[in-house]
Amino acid sequence: MNEIGEIRTLEGREALRALAGAARIIHRFIPGDMSFAVIEGDAYITYVPGRTINFNRKPGDRLAEGSAGNRCMKEKRPIVKEFGKEESPFGIPYIAHSMPVFDAGGEAVGCVILAENVERQNTLRETSETLRASTSQIADALQSMNGRMEEMRAAGETLISITGTAVERVAGTEQVVGIIEGVAKQTNLLGLNASIEASRIGELGKGFGVVADEVRKLAVRSTESAKRIREILDYFRTSTYEINENTEVLLKIIKEQARLIEGIAASGEEVASVSAVLEDVARKLLSTEE
């Protein structure tokens, strides 16, 4: 059985040379679309482009003053810088990660630079933000609709109460009409009797007969008026019942709509929760913190 000897830890320029030699192997194991560069001092010693990220660097090219690689060695700390689509030379957003490499004395002798295409992450973040904004707007609209539904429900219940009172009033009015009809009948009988008596006594009852005729005419008019009032009351009562029935149907529909709105609102909250998670994931993927 072969034994593996102790693996020696590499530092400084030796580590940089080892990374440069294994650059293409390392690049194959890097997920996503990313370029890989190793810098010694202020010069590139190897460069492997990504699928869409290619700065066309070659060994011997110098780091630009103030670049992320230059800064990470001067400041002796990792530097992460994000470039938007507008400022990117490739027309896509990317993030540059620069990591300094130190020698045994703690001096930065070079660095490793990774440039990562983050278009997908940006799209994910933008989509989640749009989704969250849309769900928020939907939630506001649903809340407004629910408020309107509540107002309609209250108005419907008030209308039912009013129509119920109106029906009761119609019943009371019908009693009065019944009394008027009864009085009219009695008046008509009295007028008829008076006419008979006036005819019986002859010339002496002539004036009384005229009064009796007028009384009978008044009774007839009262009966006709009572009949007309009863027809109007019947129409009003029937219409009121129809309004009441239609209002009850409307209330059932409003209650059902309110339940549907509650269900949609609950689903909207779930979507908002998912969009918040997606936004958080996208933010972490694009984080430029050290």
Protein backbone atom coordinates (compact mmCIF):
# COMPACT_ATOMS: atom_id res chain seq x y z
CA MET A 1 0.00 0.00 0.00
CA ASN A 2 1.44 3.35 -1.00
CA GLU A 3 1.76 5.96 1.66
CA ILE A 4 1.16 9.63 0.94
CA GLY A 5 3.87 11.78 2.40
CA GLU A 6 3.31 15.02 4.22
CA ILE A 7 2.00 17.76 1.94
CA ARG A 8 4.10 20.86 2.27
CA THR A 9 2.30 24.20 2.70
CA LEU A 10 3.25 26.67 0.02
CA GLU A 11 3.58 30.39 0.60
CA GLY A 12 4.50 33.52 -1.28
CA ARG A 13 5.85 33.29 -4.81
CA GLU A 14 6.08 29.51 -4.65
CA ALA A 15 2.33 29.34 -3.94
CA LEU A 16 1.65 31.76 -6.80
CA ARG A 17 3.66 29.61 -9.23
CA ALA A 18 1.81 26.49 -8.09
CA LEU A 19 -1.56 28.21 -8.58
CA ALA A 20 -0.51 29.41 -12.02
CA GLY A 21 0.57 25.91 -13.03
CA ALA A 22 -2.74 24.43 -11.91
CA ALA A 23 -4.87 27.37 -13.15
CA ARG A 24 -6.74 25.51 -15.88
CA ILE A 25 -7.49 22.54 -13.62
CA ILE A 26 -8.71 24.90 -10.89
CA HIS A 27 -10.84 26.81 -13.43
CA ARG A 28 -12.68 23.61 -14.41
CA PHE A 29 -13.84 23.16 -10.82
CA ILE A 30 -15.08 26.74 -10.47
CA PRO A 31 -18.89 26.86 -10.82
CA GLY A 32 -20.50 29.50 -12.97
CA ASP A 33 -19.04 31.77 -15.62
CA MET A 34 -15.77 33.08 -14.17
CA SER A 35 -12.27 34.10 -15.25
CA PHE A 36 -9.20 33.14 -13.19
CA ALA A 37 -5.94 35.11 -12.95
CA VAL A 38 -2.74 34.83 -10.93
CA ILE A 39 -0.60 37.95 -10.44
CA GLU A 40 2.95 38.03 -9.13
CA GLY A 41 4.16 41.46 -8.05
CA ASP A 42 2.22 43.69 -10.40
CA ALA A 43 2.23 41.40 -13.46
CA TYR A 44 0.00 38.60 -14.69
CA ILE A 45 1.69 35.19 -14.77
CA THR A 46 -1.43 33.31 -15.97
CA TYR A 47 -4.93 34.12 -17.13
CA VAL A 48 -7.87 31.78 -17.91
CA PRO A 49 -10.95 33.51 -19.39
CA GLY A 50 -14.55 32.61 -18.59
CA ARG A 51 -17.28 31.96 -21.16
CA THR A 52 -18.35 35.61 -21.28
CA ILE A 53 -15.74 37.24 -19.03
CA ASN A 54 -12.51 37.73 -20.98
CA PHE A 55 -10.14 40.64 -20.34
CA ASN A 56 -7.66 39.24 -22.89
CA ARG A 57 -4.81 39.34 -20.38
CA LYS A 58 -1.55 37.55 -21.07
CA PRO A 59 1.56 36.84 -18.98
CA GLY A 60 3.57 39.99 -18.41
CA ASP A 61 0.60 42.39 -18.58
CA ARG A 62 0.65 44.89 -15.71
CA LEU A 63 -2.06 45.57 -13.15
CA ALA A 64 -3.64 48.98 -13.47
CA GLU A 65 -3.01 51.40 -10.61
CA GLY A 66 -6.03 51.51 -8.33
CA SER A 67 -7.47 48.26 -9.68
CA ALA A 68 -8.97 45.70 -7.27
CA GLY A 69 -5.87 43.49 -7.57
CA ASN A 70 -3.55 46.43 -6.95
CA ARG A 71 -5.59 47.57 -3.95
CA CYS A 72 -5.84 44.14 -2.32
CA MET A 73 -2.02 43.86 -2.21
CA LYS A 74 -1.52 47.42 -0.95
CA GLU A 75 -4.25 47.15 1.67
CA LYS A 76 -3.40 43.50 2.47
CA ARG A 77 -7.03 42.42 2.45
CA PRO A 78 -9.50 40.88 0.03
CA ILE A 79 -11.22 43.36 -2.26
CA VAL A 80 -14.60 42.67 -3.87
CA LYS A 81 -15.97 45.09 -6.42
CA GLU A 82 -19.24 44.94 -8.34
CA PHE A 83 -19.59 46.27 -11.87
CA GLY A 84 -23.02 47.02 -13.33
CA LYS A 85 -24.07 46.32 -16.88
CA GLU A 86 -23.49 49.96 -17.86
CA GLU A 87 -19.87 50.10 -16.68
CA SER A 88 -18.96 46.55 -17.72
CA PRO A 89 -16.91 46.20 -20.94
CA PHE A 90 -18.84 42.98 -21.69
CA GLY A 91 -22.32 44.46 -21.40
CA ILE A 92 -23.10 42.14 -18.49
CA PRO A 93 -22.74 42.71 -14.74
CA TYR A 94 -19.86 40.99 -12.97
CA ILE A 95 -18.07 40.93 -9.63
CA ALA A 96 -14.27 40.95 -9.26
CA HIS A 97 -12.83 39.09 -6.24
CA SER A 98 -9.19 39.89 -5.45
CA MET A 99 -7.35 37.87 -2.78
CA PRO A 100 -3.76 38.78 -1.75
CA VAL A 101 -1.10 36.06 -1.34
CA PHE A 102 1.48 36.61 1.43
CA ASP A 103 5.04 35.34 1.94
CA ALA A 104 6.40 34.02 5.22
CA GLY A 105 7.17 37.59 6.33
CA GLY A 106 3.57 38.77 5.82
CA GLU A 107 4.26 40.80 2.71
CA ALA A 108 1.80 40.64 -0.20
CA VAL A 109 3.76 39.25 -3.15
CA GLY A 110 0.85 38.77 -5.51
CA CYS A 111 -2.82 37.97 -5.71
CA VAL A 112 -5.50 35.82 -7.27
CA ILE A 113 -8.34 37.54 -9.16
CA LEU A 114 -11.68 35.95 -10.01
CA ALA A 115 -14.18 37.83 -12.19
CA GLU A 116 -17.67 36.30 -12.00
CA ASN A 117 -20.62 36.86 -14.36
CA VAL A 118 -23.57 37.69 -12.04
CA GLU A 119 -26.21 38.34 -14.68
CA ARG A 120 -28.34 35.43 -13.42
CA GLN A 121 -28.05 36.58 -9.83
CA ASN A 122 -29.00 40.11 -10.84
CA THR A 123 -31.96 38.81 -12.81
CA LEU A 124 -33.01 36.75 -9.79
CA ARG A 125 -32.74 39.78 -7.53
CA GLU A 126 -34.62 42.06 -9.93
CA THR A 127 -37.31 39.44 -10.49
CA SER A 128 -37.76 38.88 -6.76
CA GLU A 129 -37.91 42.64 -6.15
CA THR A 130 -40.52 43.03 -8.89
CA LEU A 131 -42.46 40.07 -7.50
CA ARG A 132 -42.36 41.54 -4.00
CA ALA A 133 -43.52 44.95 -5.27
CA SER A 134 -46.32 43.33 -7.29
CA THR A 135 -47.53 41.24 -4.36
CA SER A 136 -47.48 44.36 -2.20
CA GLN A 137 -49.63 46.21 -4.75
CA ILE A 138 -51.99 43.23 -4.99
CA ALA A 139 -52.24 43.09 -1.20
CA ASP A 140 -53.14 46.80 -1.09
CA ALA A 141 -55.74 46.33 -3.84
CA LEU A 142 -57.24 43.33 -2.06
CA GLN A 143 -57.38 45.23 1.20
CA SER A 144 -59.18 48.07 -0.57
CA MET A 145 -61.58 45.62 -2.22
CA ASN A 146 -62.22 43.94 1.09
CA GLY A 147 -63.06 47.32 2.59
CA ARG A 148 -65.47 48.04 -0.26
CA MET A 149 -67.04 44.61 0.17
CA GLU A 150 -67.56 45.32 3.85
CA GLU A 151 -69.21 48.64 3.00
CA MET A 152 -71.48 46.89 0.46
CA ARG A 153 -72.35 44.21 3.01
CA ALA A 154 -73.26 46.83 5.60
CA ALA A 155 -75.32 48.73 3.01
CA GLY A 156 -77.12 45.54 2.01
CA GLU A 157 -77.99 44.70 5.60
CA THR A 158 -79.24 48.26 6.12
CA LEU A 159 -81.37 47.96 2.96
CA ILE A 160 -82.90 44.69 4.21
CA SER A 161 -83.71 46.38 7.49
CA ILE A 162 -85.32 49.34 5.67
CA THR A 163 -87.38 47.09 3.37
CA GLY A 164 -88.48 45.03 6.37
CA THR A 165 -89.70 48.21 8.09
CA ALA A 166 -91.40 49.32 4.87
CA VAL A 167 -93.31 46.03 4.64
CA GLU A 168 -94.49 46.51 8.22
CA ARG A 169 -95.62 50.04 7.37
CA VAL A 170 -97.50 48.74 4.31
CA ALA A 171 -99.33 46.27 6.52
CA GLY A 172 -100.33 49.13 8.84
CA THR A 173 -101.45 51.26 5.90
CA GLU A 174 -103.55 48.39 4.54
CA GLN A 175 -105.44 48.32 7.82
CA VAL A 176 -106.22 52.03 7.41
CA VAL A 177 -107.34 51.40 3.81
CA GLY A 178 -109.59 48.64 5.09
CA ILE A 179 -111.17 51.06 7.52
CA ILE A 180 -111.67 53.61 4.71
CA GLU A 181 -113.34 50.95 2.55
CA GLY A 182 -115.60 50.00 5.44
CA VAL A 183 -116.54 53.62 6.06
CA ALA A 184 -117.21 54.10 2.33
CA LYS A 185 -119.56 51.11 2.27
CA GLN A 186 -121.42 52.38 5.30
CA THR A 187 -121.60 55.85 3.80
CA ASN A 188 -122.94 54.43 0.55
CA LEU A 189 -125.63 52.54 2.46
CA LEU A 190 -126.55 55.64 4.42
CA GLY A 191 -126.78 57.65 1.18
CA LEU A 192 -128.93 54.95 -0.41
CA ASN A 193 -131.26 54.87 2.59
CA ALA A 194 -131.44 58.67 2.59
CA SER A 195 -132.37 58.69 -1.12
CA ILE A 196 -135.12 56.15 -0.50
CA GLU A 197 -136.55 58.22 2.38
CA ALA A 198 -136.33 61.43 0.32
CA SER A 199 -138.27 59.78 -2.50
CA ARG A 200 -140.87 58.51 -0.09
CA ILE A 201 -141.72 61.90 1.42
CA GLY A 202 -141.88 63.55 -1.99
CA GLU A 203 -141.38 67.28 -2.53
CA LEU A 204 -140.37 67.88 1.08
CA GLY A 205 -137.43 65.50 0.77
CA LYS A 206 -136.13 66.83 -2.54
CA GLY A 207 -133.29 68.86 -0.99
CA PHE A 208 -132.42 66.01 1.30
CA GLY A 209 -132.26 63.72 -1.76
CA VAL A 210 -129.68 65.95 -3.40
CA VAL A 211 -127.51 65.70 -0.29
CA ALA A 212 -127.99 61.94 -0.21
CA ASP A 213 -126.84 61.65 -3.86
CA GLU A 214 -123.70 63.64 -3.10
CA VAL A 215 -123.01 61.43 -0.09
CA ARG A 216 -123.29 58.34 -2.30
CA LYS A 217 -120.96 59.89 -4.91
CA LEU A 218 -118.43 60.64 -2.15
CA ALA A 219 -118.69 57.04 -0.95
CA VAL A 220 -118.05 55.76 -4.50
CA ARG A 221 -115.02 58.03 -4.91
CA SER A 222 -113.70 56.92 -1.51
CA THR A 223 -114.06 53.27 -2.53
CA GLU A 224 -112.27 53.87 -5.83
CA SER A 225 -109.48 55.78 -4.07
CA ALA A 226 -109.11 53.03 -1.48
CA LYS A 227 -108.90 50.45 -4.30
CA ARG A 228 -106.22 52.49 -6.06
CA ILE A 229 -104.27 52.88 -2.82
CA ARG A 230 -104.50 49.13 -2.23
CA GLU A 231 -103.13 48.45 -5.75
CA ILE A 232 -100.23 50.81 -5.11
CA LEU A 233 -99.55 49.18 -1.74
CA ASP A 234 -99.64 45.73 -3.32
CA TYR A 235 -97.15 46.82 -5.98
CA PHE A 236 -94.95 48.43 -3.35
CA ARG A 237 -95.08 45.32 -1.15
CA THR A 238 -94.22 43.03 -4.08
CA SER A 239 -91.35 45.29 -5.16
CA THR A 240 -90.08 45.44 -1.60
CA TYR A 241 -90.07 41.65 -1.33
CA GLU A 242 -88.16 41.42 -4.62
CA ILE A 243 -85.63 44.01 -3.41
CA ASN A 244 -85.26 42.08 -0.17
CA GLU A 245 -84.69 38.77 -1.98
CA ASN A 246 -82.20 40.28 -4.44
CA THR A 247 -80.36 42.00 -1.60
CA GLU A 248 -80.04 38.70 0.26
CA VAL A 249 -78.61 37.09 -2.88
CA LEU A 250 -76.20 40.03 -3.21
CA LEU A 251 -75.12 39.61 0.41
CA LYS A 252 -74.37 35.94 -0.19
CA ILE A 253 -72.28 36.87 -3.23
CA ILE A 254 -70.45 39.57 -1.24
CA LYS A 255 -69.67 37.11 1.56
CA GLU A 256 -68.39 34.57 -0.97
CA GLN A 257 -66.26 37.25 -2.64
CA ALA A 258 -64.88 38.25 0.75
CA ARG A 259 -63.86 34.63 1.39
CA LEU A 260 -62.19 34.46 -2.04
CA ILE A 261 -60.35 37.71 -1.35
CA GLU A 262 -59.11 36.32 1.97
CA GLY A 263 -57.84 33.22 0.14
CA ILE A 264 -56.09 35.31 -2.52
CA ALA A 265 -54.58 37.53 0.18
CA ALA A 266 -53.25 34.45 2.00
CA SER A 267 -51.71 33.18 -1.25
CA GLY A 268 -50.27 36.64 -1.87
CA GLU A 269 -48.62 36.56 1.54
CA GLU A 270 -47.04 33.20 0.68
CA VAL A 271 -45.77 34.58 -2.63
CA ALA A 272 -44.41 37.65 -0.84
CA SER A 273 -42.63 35.37 1.63
CA VAL A 274 -41.07 33.36 -1.21
CA SER A 275 -40.03 36.53 -3.06
CA ALA A 276 -38.41 37.82 0.14
CA VAL A 277 -36.41 34.59 0.41
CA LEU A 278 -35.38 34.81 -3.25
CA GLU A 279 -34.38 38.45 -2.80
CA ASP A 280 -32.30 37.53 0.24
CA VAL A 281 -30.60 34.69 -1.68
CA ALA A 282 -29.86 37.02 -4.59
CA ARG A 283 -28.52 39.67 -2.22
CA LYS A 284 -26.21 37.15 -0.56
CA LEU A 285 -24.99 35.91 -3.95
CA LEU A 286 -24.21 39.49 -4.92
CA SER A 287 -22.87 40.54 -1.54
CA THR A 288 -19.74 42.67 -1.77
CA GLU A 289 -18.88 42.40 1.89
CA GLU A 290 -15.53 41.04 2.87
